[in-house]
């Protein structure tokens, strides 16, 4: 896969499709660009050009010392799209990626044709803060793959555990084999621990969809609803599944996203 030098790092990316409108996808904590494998067929079939990449600290992108911030990872994204000559695009971020996307829309509003924020929040609050502090305590002792396997319990629904054993094992194996150094995991963890756009979201003017898995318990649906209420004119959708709804139920997730893109593009 190609890379682009952006500031102090090299960013690994994939750019696919030939449509006139570009969609830029931003991953969550400890997730690489394969996060979006189940979304790519729908986006390409709808005629979009799609950019996905590994955030700073994961995959084949450089794993510089941290801690990182949402603004810093948004600046990385800006450097990448500028290097590729992408001037205006539809921005989608899930979980931590949604926080980076918020930071991007606030810092570089002229770039954003539309904004989709999935399974994310404006600030962690007391519930998520305690969860993430626990992950930060566990990772140095038990390792990043152990913590990421624990995340599976929060990300998928009861029905997934009951009925889709083979897929569950596949995800657990991927988490167990995750190749992410401790310093990079903790550096990314700082992004979600310190994110707070509560006072700024009202200034976002791009057409915005806030999307949540209706059974999300990792980032509770109420926190995503707060993002929706804070952004003037934003649209609100829920889809089946929990925090990992884009993997557990990709078809309704993709349908909601592509429908929104169709309404705001061209």
Protein backbone atom coordinates (compact mmCIF):
# COMPACT_ATOMS: atom_id res chain seq x y z
CA UNK A 1 0.00 0.00 0.00
CA UNK A 2 1.25 3.55 -0.68
CA UNK A 3 2.31 5.98 2.02
CA UNK A 4 2.48 9.77 2.23
CA UNK A 5 4.81 11.75 4.49
CA UNK A 6 2.74 14.02 6.72
CA UNK A 7 4.73 16.08 9.20
CA UNK A 8 6.67 13.68 11.40
CA UNK A 9 4.96 10.46 10.19
CA UNK A 10 4.32 8.34 7.12
CA UNK A 11 0.61 7.61 6.61
CA UNK A 12 -0.50 4.35 5.04
CA UNK A 13 -3.60 4.74 2.86
CA UNK A 14 -5.79 3.21 0.15
CA UNK A 15 -7.70 5.33 -2.39
CA UNK A 16 -10.29 3.43 -4.42
CA UNK A 17 -13.03 4.22 -6.90
CA UNK A 18 -13.38 6.86 -9.57
CA UNK A 19 -16.49 8.82 -8.70
CA UNK A 20 -16.62 12.62 -8.65
CA UNK A 21 -17.30 12.74 -4.89
CA UNK A 22 -14.80 11.48 -2.34
CA UNK A 23 -15.60 9.89 1.02
CA UNK A 24 -12.88 9.97 3.69
CA UNK A 25 -13.20 7.32 6.42
CA UNK A 26 -11.56 7.68 9.84
CA UNK A 27 -11.04 4.65 12.10
CA UNK A 28 -11.57 4.08 15.79
CA UNK A 29 -9.15 3.25 18.59
CA UNK A 30 -6.57 0.59 17.64
CA UNK A 31 -8.32 -0.06 14.32
CA UNK A 32 -6.57 0.07 10.96
CA UNK A 33 -8.04 0.81 7.56
CA UNK A 34 -9.53 -2.69 7.28
CA UNK A 35 -12.18 -1.34 9.70
CA UNK A 36 -14.11 -0.37 6.57
CA UNK A 37 -13.91 -3.60 4.56
CA UNK A 38 -17.66 -4.24 4.96
CA UNK A 39 -18.52 -0.69 3.87
CA UNK A 40 -16.39 -0.57 0.73
CA UNK A 41 -18.67 -2.54 -1.63
CA UNK A 42 -21.66 -0.32 -0.86
CA UNK A 43 -19.70 2.93 -1.19
CA UNK A 44 -18.04 1.93 -4.44
CA UNK A 45 -21.32 0.63 -5.88
CA UNK A 46 -22.87 4.01 -5.07
CA UNK A 47 -20.22 5.70 -7.22
CA UNK A 48 -17.96 7.25 -4.59
CA UNK A 49 -14.20 7.49 -4.52
CA UNK A 50 -13.12 6.34 -1.06
CA UNK A 51 -10.04 7.19 0.99
CA UNK A 52 -9.22 5.13 4.07
CA UNK A 53 -6.00 5.10 6.04
CA UNK A 54 -4.24 4.00 9.21
CA UNK A 55 -4.27 6.63 11.92
CA UNK A 56 -1.07 7.68 13.63
CA UNK A 57 -0.03 4.80 15.90
CA UNK A 58 -1.67 1.81 14.19
CA UNK A 59 -1.28 -0.44 11.17
CA UNK A 60 1.43 0.56 8.71
CA UNK A 61 1.39 4.25 9.67
CA UNK A 62 4.22 5.52 11.86
CA UNK A 63 3.87 4.96 15.59
CA UNK A 64 5.34 8.16 16.96
CA UNK A 65 5.58 8.92 20.65
CA UNK A 66 2.42 10.23 22.27
CA UNK A 67 0.11 11.15 23.78
CA UNK A 68 -1.94 12.07 20.73
CA UNK A 69 -4.90 14.41 20.47
CA UNK A 70 -7.94 14.62 18.23
CA UNK A 71 -6.62 17.88 16.79
CA UNK A 72 -3.29 16.22 15.99
CA UNK A 73 -4.92 13.28 14.21
CA UNK A 74 -7.21 15.69 12.37
CA UNK A 75 -4.08 17.54 11.21
CA UNK A 76 -2.66 14.21 10.00
CA UNK A 77 -5.84 13.68 8.00
CA UNK A 78 -5.58 17.20 6.59
CA UNK A 79 -2.00 16.58 5.53
CA UNK A 80 -3.00 13.36 3.79
CA UNK A 81 -5.92 14.80 1.82
CA UNK A 82 -3.85 17.84 0.84
CA UNK A 83 -1.02 15.62 -0.38
CA UNK A 84 -3.51 13.64 -2.48
CA UNK A 85 -5.12 16.79 -3.88
CA UNK A 86 -8.52 16.10 -2.33
CA UNK A 87 -10.08 19.50 -1.71
CA UNK A 88 -13.68 18.87 -0.61
CA UNK A 89 -15.12 15.59 0.59
CA UNK A 90 -17.62 13.71 2.72
CA UNK A 91 -16.07 12.91 6.09
CA UNK A 92 -17.09 9.88 8.17
CA UNK A 93 -15.61 8.86 11.50
CA UNK A 94 -16.60 6.03 13.83
CA UNK A 95 -15.94 6.04 17.60
CA UNK A 96 -12.51 7.68 18.05
CA UNK A 97 -12.71 8.43 14.35
CA UNK A 98 -15.87 10.40 15.05
CA UNK A 99 -13.94 12.50 17.52
CA UNK A 100 -11.20 13.12 14.97
CA UNK A 101 -13.87 14.01 12.41
CA UNK A 102 -15.38 16.54 14.82
CA UNK A 103 -11.96 18.10 15.30
CA UNK A 104 -11.46 18.18 11.52
CA UNK A 105 -14.81 19.83 10.82
CA UNK A 106 -14.07 22.48 13.44
CA UNK A 107 -10.53 23.19 12.23
CA UNK A 108 -11.01 22.89 8.44
CA UNK A 109 -14.70 23.54 7.75
CA UNK A 110 -14.22 24.49 4.09
CA UNK A 111 -13.01 20.95 3.31
CA UNK A 112 -16.11 19.19 4.59
CA UNK A 113 -18.99 18.68 2.17
CA UNK A 114 -20.79 16.55 4.75
CA UNK A 115 -20.03 15.02 8.11
CA UNK A 116 -21.10 11.64 9.50
CA UNK A 117 -20.36 10.87 13.14
CA UNK A 118 -20.96 7.25 14.14
CA UNK A 119 -21.01 5.80 17.66
CA UNK A 120 -19.17 8.74 19.19
CA UNK A 121 -19.45 11.53 21.76
CA UNK A 122 -18.58 15.15 22.44
CA UNK A 123 -16.98 14.27 25.79
CA UNK A 124 -16.52 10.96 27.64
CA UNK A 125 -18.26 11.90 30.88
CA UNK A 126 -18.00 9.84 34.06
CA UNK A 127 -19.02 6.45 32.62
CA UNK A 128 -16.68 6.27 29.62
CA UNK A 129 -13.89 7.99 31.54
CA UNK A 130 -13.86 5.20 34.11
CA UNK A 131 -13.89 2.53 31.42
CA UNK A 132 -10.98 4.07 29.54
CA UNK A 133 -8.96 4.59 32.71
CA UNK A 134 -9.37 0.87 33.37
CA UNK A 135 -8.09 0.06 29.87
CA UNK A 136 -5.11 2.31 30.50
CA UNK A 137 -4.36 0.47 33.74
CA UNK A 138 -4.78 -2.99 32.22
CA UNK A 139 -2.78 -2.57 29.02
CA UNK A 140 0.68 -2.17 30.63
CA UNK A 141 0.07 -5.24 32.79
CA UNK A 142 -1.85 -7.65 30.55
CA UNK A 143 -1.04 -6.28 27.11
CA UNK A 144 -2.93 -4.47 24.38
CA UNK A 145 -4.40 -7.63 22.77
CA UNK A 146 -5.98 -8.63 26.12
CA UNK A 147 -7.66 -5.25 26.46
CA UNK A 148 -8.88 -5.32 22.87
CA UNK A 149 -10.42 -8.77 23.38
CA UNK A 150 -12.26 -7.30 26.36
CA UNK A 151 -13.56 -4.55 24.10
CA UNK A 152 -15.34 -7.25 22.07
CA UNK A 153 -17.64 -7.81 25.05
CA UNK A 154 -18.68 -4.15 24.96
CA UNK A 155 -18.86 -3.81 21.18
CA UNK A 156 -21.16 -6.65 20.10
CA UNK A 157 -24.69 -7.52 21.16
CA UNK A 158 -25.96 -10.54 23.06
CA UNK A 159 -27.51 -11.90 19.87
CA UNK A 160 -24.12 -11.81 18.14
CA UNK A 161 -22.57 -13.88 20.92
CA UNK A 162 -25.43 -16.37 20.82
CA UNK A 163 -25.79 -16.85 17.08
CA UNK A 164 -22.58 -15.96 15.28
CA UNK A 165 -19.84 -17.99 16.93
CA UNK A 166 -17.61 -18.28 13.87
CA UNK A 167 -17.53 -14.52 13.34
CA UNK A 168 -16.98 -13.93 17.05
CA UNK A 169 -13.96 -16.23 17.03
CA UNK A 170 -12.64 -14.41 13.97
CA UNK A 171 -12.86 -11.05 15.72
CA UNK A 172 -11.37 -12.38 18.96
CA UNK A 173 -8.47 -13.91 17.01
CA UNK A 174 -7.82 -10.60 15.26
CA UNK A 175 -7.75 -8.83 18.62
CA UNK A 176 -5.47 -11.44 20.14
CA UNK A 177 -3.04 -11.03 17.23
CA UNK A 178 -3.19 -7.23 17.20
CA UNK A 179 0.24 -5.79 16.45
CA UNK A 180 0.15 -2.44 18.23
CA UNK A 181 2.88 -1.41 20.65
CA UNK A 182 1.83 -0.33 24.12
CA UNK A 183 3.06 3.24 23.71
CA UNK A 184 0.97 3.70 20.56
CA UNK A 185 -2.16 2.23 22.16
CA UNK A 186 -1.85 4.52 25.18
CA UNK A 187 -1.14 7.47 22.87
CA UNK A 188 -4.38 6.81 20.97
CA UNK A 189 -6.27 6.13 24.20
CA UNK A 190 -5.41 9.69 25.26
CA UNK A 191 -7.42 10.96 22.28
CA UNK A 192 -10.68 9.52 23.56
CA UNK A 193 -9.93 10.31 27.19
CA UNK A 194 -9.28 14.00 26.56
CA UNK A 195 -11.72 14.72 23.74
CA UNK A 196 -14.18 17.51 24.53
CA UNK A 197 -15.95 19.49 21.81
CA UNK A 198 -19.02 20.22 23.93
CA UNK A 199 -18.64 23.99 23.64
CA UNK A 200 -17.82 23.94 19.92
CA UNK A 201 -20.24 21.63 18.11
CA UNK A 202 -22.84 24.37 17.63
CA UNK A 203 -20.44 26.05 15.16
CA UNK A 204 -20.44 23.10 12.73
CA UNK A 205 -22.27 24.10 9.55
CA UNK A 206 -21.69 21.08 7.28
CA UNK A 207 -24.70 18.81 6.67
CA UNK A 208 -24.31 16.25 9.44
CA UNK A 209 -25.61 12.77 10.18
CA UNK A 210 -25.17 11.38 13.69
CA UNK A 211 -25.50 7.62 13.60
CA UNK A 212 -25.57 5.10 16.47
CA UNK A 213 -26.02 1.41 17.07
CA UNK A 214 -29.30 1.16 18.96
CA UNK A 215 -27.77 -1.21 21.57
CA UNK A 216 -24.42 0.55 21.99
CA UNK A 217 -23.22 0.15 25.58
CA UNK A 218 -19.57 1.13 25.02
CA UNK A 219 -20.42 4.66 23.97
CA UNK A 220 -24.02 4.82 25.21
CA UNK A 221 -26.57 5.99 22.67
CA UNK A 222 -27.46 8.94 24.90
CA UNK A 223 -23.98 10.38 24.34
CA UNK A 224 -24.38 10.21 20.58
CA UNK A 225 -27.79 11.85 20.92
CA UNK A 226 -26.10 14.73 22.75
CA UNK A 227 -23.86 15.25 19.71
CA UNK A 228 -26.92 15.33 17.47
CA UNK A 229 -28.67 17.89 19.66
CA UNK A 230 -25.55 20.09 19.77
CA UNK A 231 -25.06 20.35 15.99
CA UNK A 232 -27.68 22.61 14.41
CA UNK A 233 -29.77 20.88 11.77
CA UNK A 234 -28.05 17.51 12.16
CA UNK A 235 -29.90 14.32 11.31
CA UNK A 236 -30.27 11.39 13.70
CA UNK A 237 -30.38 7.69 12.81
CA UNK A 238 -30.02 4.47 14.75
CA UNK A 239 -29.30 1.08 13.22
CA UNK A 240 -29.39 -2.45 14.62
CA UNK A 241 -26.46 -3.58 16.73
CA UNK A 242 -24.16 -2.08 19.30
CA UNK A 243 -20.89 -0.19 19.12
CA UNK A 244 -19.65 -2.49 16.36
CA UNK A 245 -22.82 -2.07 14.29
CA UNK A 246 -20.78 -1.38 11.16
CA UNK A 247 -19.43 -4.96 11.47
CA UNK A 248 -22.34 -6.75 13.12
CA UNK A 249 -25.03 -5.29 10.83
CA UNK A 250 -23.20 -3.70 7.90
CA UNK A 251 -26.17 -3.61 5.52
CA UNK A 252 -28.41 -1.23 7.53
CA UNK A 253 -25.36 0.80 8.58
CA UNK A 254 -24.30 1.16 4.95
CA UNK A 255 -27.82 1.92 3.79
CA UNK A 256 -28.20 4.77 6.29
CA UNK A 257 -24.81 6.22 5.37
CA UNK A 258 -25.21 5.91 1.59
CA UNK A 259 -28.73 7.35 1.75
CA UNK A 260 -27.39 10.41 3.57
CA UNK A 261 -24.54 10.80 1.10
CA UNK A 262 -26.98 10.61 -1.78
CA UNK A 263 -29.09 13.38 -0.24
CA UNK A 264 -26.19 15.78 0.33
CA UNK A 265 -24.01 15.12 -2.76
CA UNK A 266 -24.56 16.21 -6.31
